[in-house]
Amino acid sequence: MKTTMLCRTCKQKLNHLAGATVCPGCCREWEETGNFCSDCLKWQLMYPNYTFKNTALYQYNPFLKEWIEAFKYKGDYRLAKVFAPEVNAYFCSYPQKGKLYIPIPVSKKSMELRGFNQVEAVLQAASVTYAPLLKHIGRGEKQSSKDRKGRMMSKQPFELASRDAKRIRNKKIILIDDVYTTGRTLFHAAELMLDAQAESVETFTIAR
């Protein structure tokens, strides 16, 4: 997949994280090579048995904020194609073969307002086969409307049906979301994967 929707000027606005010095846990830019950032050290205390690793394509910046605003909140579905080549390249690479790709679901309220799951839309545009096994059972409160404390205190918003939990057991899982902010959403989802006895769980986001 070689086509792209971004012109040279827009591409220059992206801060690629591949090759950058990042936290080995959450993939945020971090000067202390090989050491976890302060946020990830806190997550380790909460999840001592979870060897978490997030891979993000780009640093979250004003350009990514505009993309998310237009795509996710204003519903411009065409923008799902913007990062399709990069997403396709990542999931079709040899290290990811054989893993089960599970997108983070959106609430019923968000689906009614937007008409689509933005994560699934990106994967479809990138021709990546995924398994939508998680169900959103929360009230549909936007994470973007909460401060950090509010995000961290949020209750488990996802559910994994028993029949789907059987598909998780002994499988290598990649959870997929658009943006890693505090990590709370992905850790909620990872809890269910670990409870279902996944062999391993890692995460992937467009931005960090």
Protein backbone atom coordinates (compact mmCIF):
# COMPACT_ATOMS: atom_id res chain seq x y z
CA MET A 1 0.00 0.00 0.00
CA LYS A 2 1.92 3.03 -1.27
CA THR A 3 -0.72 5.68 -1.80
CA THR A 4 -0.90 8.59 0.61
CA MET A 5 -3.26 11.49 1.27
CA LEU A 6 -0.63 13.75 2.79
CA CYS A 7 1.28 16.37 0.84
CA ARG A 8 4.92 17.10 1.61
CA THR A 9 4.03 20.09 3.78
CA CYS A 10 1.68 18.03 5.96
CA LYS A 11 4.17 15.19 6.25
CA GLN A 12 6.70 17.65 7.61
CA LYS A 13 4.30 18.47 10.43
CA LEU A 14 4.46 14.90 11.74
CA ASN A 15 6.94 13.95 14.45
CA HIS A 16 7.80 10.31 13.84
CA LEU A 17 8.54 8.24 16.93
CA ALA A 18 10.29 5.44 15.06
CA GLY A 19 13.98 5.86 15.81
CA ALA A 20 13.35 8.46 18.50
CA THR A 21 14.32 8.02 22.15
CA VAL A 22 11.09 6.92 23.81
CA CYS A 23 9.83 5.31 26.99
CA PRO A 24 9.87 1.52 26.47
CA GLY A 25 6.45 1.30 28.10
CA CYS A 26 4.20 3.96 26.58
CA CYS A 27 6.34 5.22 23.65
CA ARG A 28 6.35 8.86 24.75
CA GLU A 29 9.47 10.83 23.90
CA TRP A 30 11.79 10.27 26.85
CA GLU A 31 15.44 11.21 27.25
CA GLU A 32 16.34 8.42 29.69
CA THR A 33 17.13 5.62 27.27
CA GLY A 34 15.84 2.24 28.42
CA ASN A 35 14.14 3.63 31.54
CA PHE A 36 10.40 3.87 32.08
CA CYS A 37 8.80 7.28 32.43
CA SER A 38 7.14 8.32 35.69
CA ASP A 39 3.67 7.42 34.36
CA CYS A 40 4.72 3.90 33.42
CA LEU A 41 6.36 3.35 36.79
CA LYS A 42 2.96 4.04 38.36
CA TRP A 43 1.27 1.63 35.96
CA GLN A 44 3.82 -1.04 36.94
CA LEU A 45 2.73 -0.72 40.56
CA MET A 46 -0.90 -1.21 39.53
CA TYR A 47 -0.18 -4.04 37.06
CA PRO A 48 2.97 -5.81 38.32
CA ASN A 49 2.29 -8.92 36.22
CA TYR A 50 1.66 -7.11 32.94
CA THR A 51 4.68 -6.46 30.72
CA PHE A 52 3.12 -3.63 28.77
CA LYS A 53 4.48 -2.08 25.61
CA ASN A 54 2.81 0.54 23.44
CA THR A 55 3.94 1.35 19.91
CA ALA A 56 2.92 4.75 18.54
CA LEU A 57 3.61 6.12 15.09
CA TYR A 58 3.73 9.82 15.91
CA GLN A 59 4.01 12.30 18.72
CA TYR A 60 0.70 13.96 19.48
CA ASN A 61 0.96 17.56 18.24
CA PRO A 62 -1.27 20.29 16.74
CA PHE A 63 -1.41 18.52 13.37
CA LEU A 64 -2.59 15.26 14.94
CA LYS A 65 -5.05 17.21 17.08
CA GLU A 66 -6.58 18.72 13.92
CA TRP A 67 -6.78 15.29 12.29
CA ILE A 68 -8.56 13.79 15.30
CA GLU A 69 -10.93 16.76 15.57
CA ALA A 70 -11.97 16.51 11.91
CA PHE A 71 -12.01 12.70 11.71
CA LYS A 72 -13.24 11.59 15.12
CA TYR A 73 -15.43 14.44 16.29
CA LYS A 74 -16.63 16.04 13.05
CA GLY A 75 -17.04 12.69 11.32
CA ASP A 76 -14.95 13.17 8.15
CA TYR A 77 -14.67 9.47 7.37
CA ARG A 78 -12.31 10.07 4.44
CA LEU A 79 -9.55 10.91 6.90
CA ALA A 80 -9.35 7.26 7.92
CA LYS A 81 -7.07 6.84 4.90
CA VAL A 82 -4.47 9.39 6.02
CA PHE A 83 -2.25 6.91 7.87
CA ALA A 84 -3.31 3.75 6.03
CA PRO A 85 0.12 3.05 4.48
CA GLU A 86 1.92 3.31 7.82
CA VAL A 87 -0.68 1.24 9.67
CA ASN A 88 -0.64 -1.42 6.96
CA ALA A 89 3.15 -1.59 7.02
CA TYR A 90 3.20 -2.08 10.79
CA PHE A 91 0.59 -4.83 11.00
CA CYS A 92 1.81 -6.64 7.92
CA SER A 93 5.39 -6.77 9.16
CA TYR A 94 6.80 -10.17 10.15
CA PRO A 95 6.88 -9.57 13.95
CA GLN A 96 3.10 -8.97 14.00
CA LYS A 97 2.09 -12.02 11.96
CA GLY A 98 -0.18 -14.46 13.75
CA LYS A 99 -1.30 -12.03 16.44
CA LEU A 100 -4.92 -11.12 17.10
CA TYR A 101 -5.68 -7.45 16.43
CA ILE A 102 -8.43 -6.04 18.62
CA PRO A 103 -9.65 -2.42 18.23
CA ILE A 104 -10.88 -0.40 21.18
CA PRO A 105 -14.68 -0.09 20.82
CA VAL A 106 -16.69 3.13 21.02
CA SER A 107 -19.77 3.66 23.13
CA LYS A 108 -23.28 3.27 21.76
CA LYS A 109 -23.71 7.03 22.15
CA SER A 110 -20.56 7.81 20.13
CA MET A 111 -21.58 5.35 17.43
CA GLU A 112 -24.98 7.00 17.11
CA LEU A 113 -23.44 10.46 16.86
CA ARG A 114 -20.48 9.60 14.63
CA GLY A 115 -21.76 6.64 12.70
CA PHE A 116 -18.49 4.71 12.85
CA ASN A 117 -15.70 3.46 15.09
CA GLN A 118 -12.65 5.54 14.16
CA VAL A 119 -10.19 2.78 15.05
CA GLU A 120 -11.98 0.20 12.92
CA ALA A 121 -12.21 2.74 10.09
CA VAL A 122 -8.42 3.22 10.12
CA LEU A 123 -7.84 -0.55 10.10
CA GLN A 124 -10.29 -1.03 7.24
CA ALA A 125 -8.60 1.71 5.24
CA ALA A 126 -5.27 0.00 5.87
CA SER A 127 -6.64 -3.42 4.81
CA VAL A 128 -5.87 -4.91 8.23
CA THR A 129 -8.06 -7.80 9.39
CA TYR A 130 -9.19 -7.33 12.98
CA ALA A 131 -11.37 -9.01 15.59
CA PRO A 132 -13.93 -6.67 17.26
CA LEU A 133 -14.27 -8.76 20.41
CA LEU A 134 -14.62 -6.01 22.99
CA LYS A 135 -17.96 -4.36 23.75
CA HIS A 136 -18.31 -0.88 25.22
CA ILE A 137 -20.70 -0.91 28.17
CA GLY A 138 -19.88 2.54 29.56
CA ARG A 139 -22.09 5.61 29.59
CA GLY A 140 -20.34 7.19 26.62
CA GLU A 141 -18.51 9.94 28.50
CA LYS A 142 -15.73 11.34 26.34
CA GLN A 143 -12.27 10.80 27.76
CA SER A 144 -11.25 14.09 26.14
CA SER A 145 -13.74 15.91 28.39
CA LYS A 146 -12.07 14.62 31.57
CA ASP A 147 -8.96 15.84 33.35
CA ARG A 148 -6.19 13.38 34.19
CA LYS A 149 -7.67 12.49 37.58
CA GLY A 150 -11.06 11.86 36.01
CA ARG A 151 -9.55 9.56 33.39
CA MET A 152 -7.56 7.59 35.91
CA MET A 153 -10.60 7.04 38.15
CA SER A 154 -12.88 5.90 35.34
CA LYS A 155 -14.53 2.50 35.77
CA GLN A 156 -14.08 -0.50 33.48
CA PRO A 157 -16.02 0.49 30.32
CA PHE A 158 -15.52 -2.74 28.37
CA GLU A 159 -16.87 -6.25 28.38
CA LEU A 160 -15.61 -9.48 26.85
CA ALA A 161 -18.22 -12.16 26.23
CA SER A 162 -17.34 -15.63 27.51
CA ARG A 163 -17.49 -17.10 24.00
CA ASP A 164 -14.99 -14.47 22.82
CA ALA A 165 -12.74 -14.97 25.84
CA LYS A 166 -12.02 -18.45 24.50
CA ARG A 167 -10.51 -16.87 21.37
CA ILE A 168 -8.13 -14.86 23.55
CA ARG A 169 -6.64 -17.72 25.53
CA ASN A 170 -2.98 -18.42 24.67
CA LYS A 171 -3.06 -15.83 21.87
CA LYS A 172 -0.75 -12.88 21.32
CA ILE A 173 -2.92 -9.77 21.35
CA ILE A 174 -2.47 -6.25 20.01
CA LEU A 175 -4.99 -3.72 21.30
CA ILE A 176 -5.44 -0.74 18.98
CA ASP A 177 -6.54 2.83 19.68
CA ASP A 178 -6.10 6.20 18.02
CA VAL A 179 -4.30 8.08 20.82
CA TYR A 180 -2.49 7.09 24.00
CA THR A 181 -3.08 9.86 26.55
CA THR A 182 -2.97 8.51 30.10
CA GLY A 183 -3.18 4.87 29.03
CA ARG A 184 -6.26 4.25 31.17
CA THR A 185 -8.42 3.06 28.25
CA LEU A 186 -5.84 0.58 27.01
CA PHE A 187 -5.10 -0.75 30.48
CA HIS A 188 -8.81 -1.35 31.04
CA ALA A 189 -8.91 -3.39 27.83
CA ALA A 190 -5.68 -5.19 28.71
CA GLU A 191 -7.19 -6.29 32.03
CA LEU A 192 -9.82 -8.28 30.17
CA MET A 193 -7.21 -9.82 27.86
CA LEU A 194 -5.08 -10.91 30.80
CA ASP A 195 -8.10 -12.30 32.65
CA ALA A 196 -8.87 -14.35 29.52
CA GLN A 197 -5.33 -15.79 29.73
CA ALA A 198 -3.83 -14.17 26.65
CA GLU A 199 -0.24 -15.25 26.04
CA SER A 200 0.83 -11.63 25.67
CA VAL A 201 -0.75 -8.20 25.30
CA GLU A 202 0.74 -5.16 23.60
CA THR A 203 -0.84 -1.98 22.30
CA PHE A 204 -0.67 0.23 19.24
CA THR A 205 -1.77 3.83 18.69
CA ILE A 206 -1.46 6.39 15.93
CA ALA A 207 -0.29 9.05 18.39
CA ARG A 208 1.30 9.36 21.80
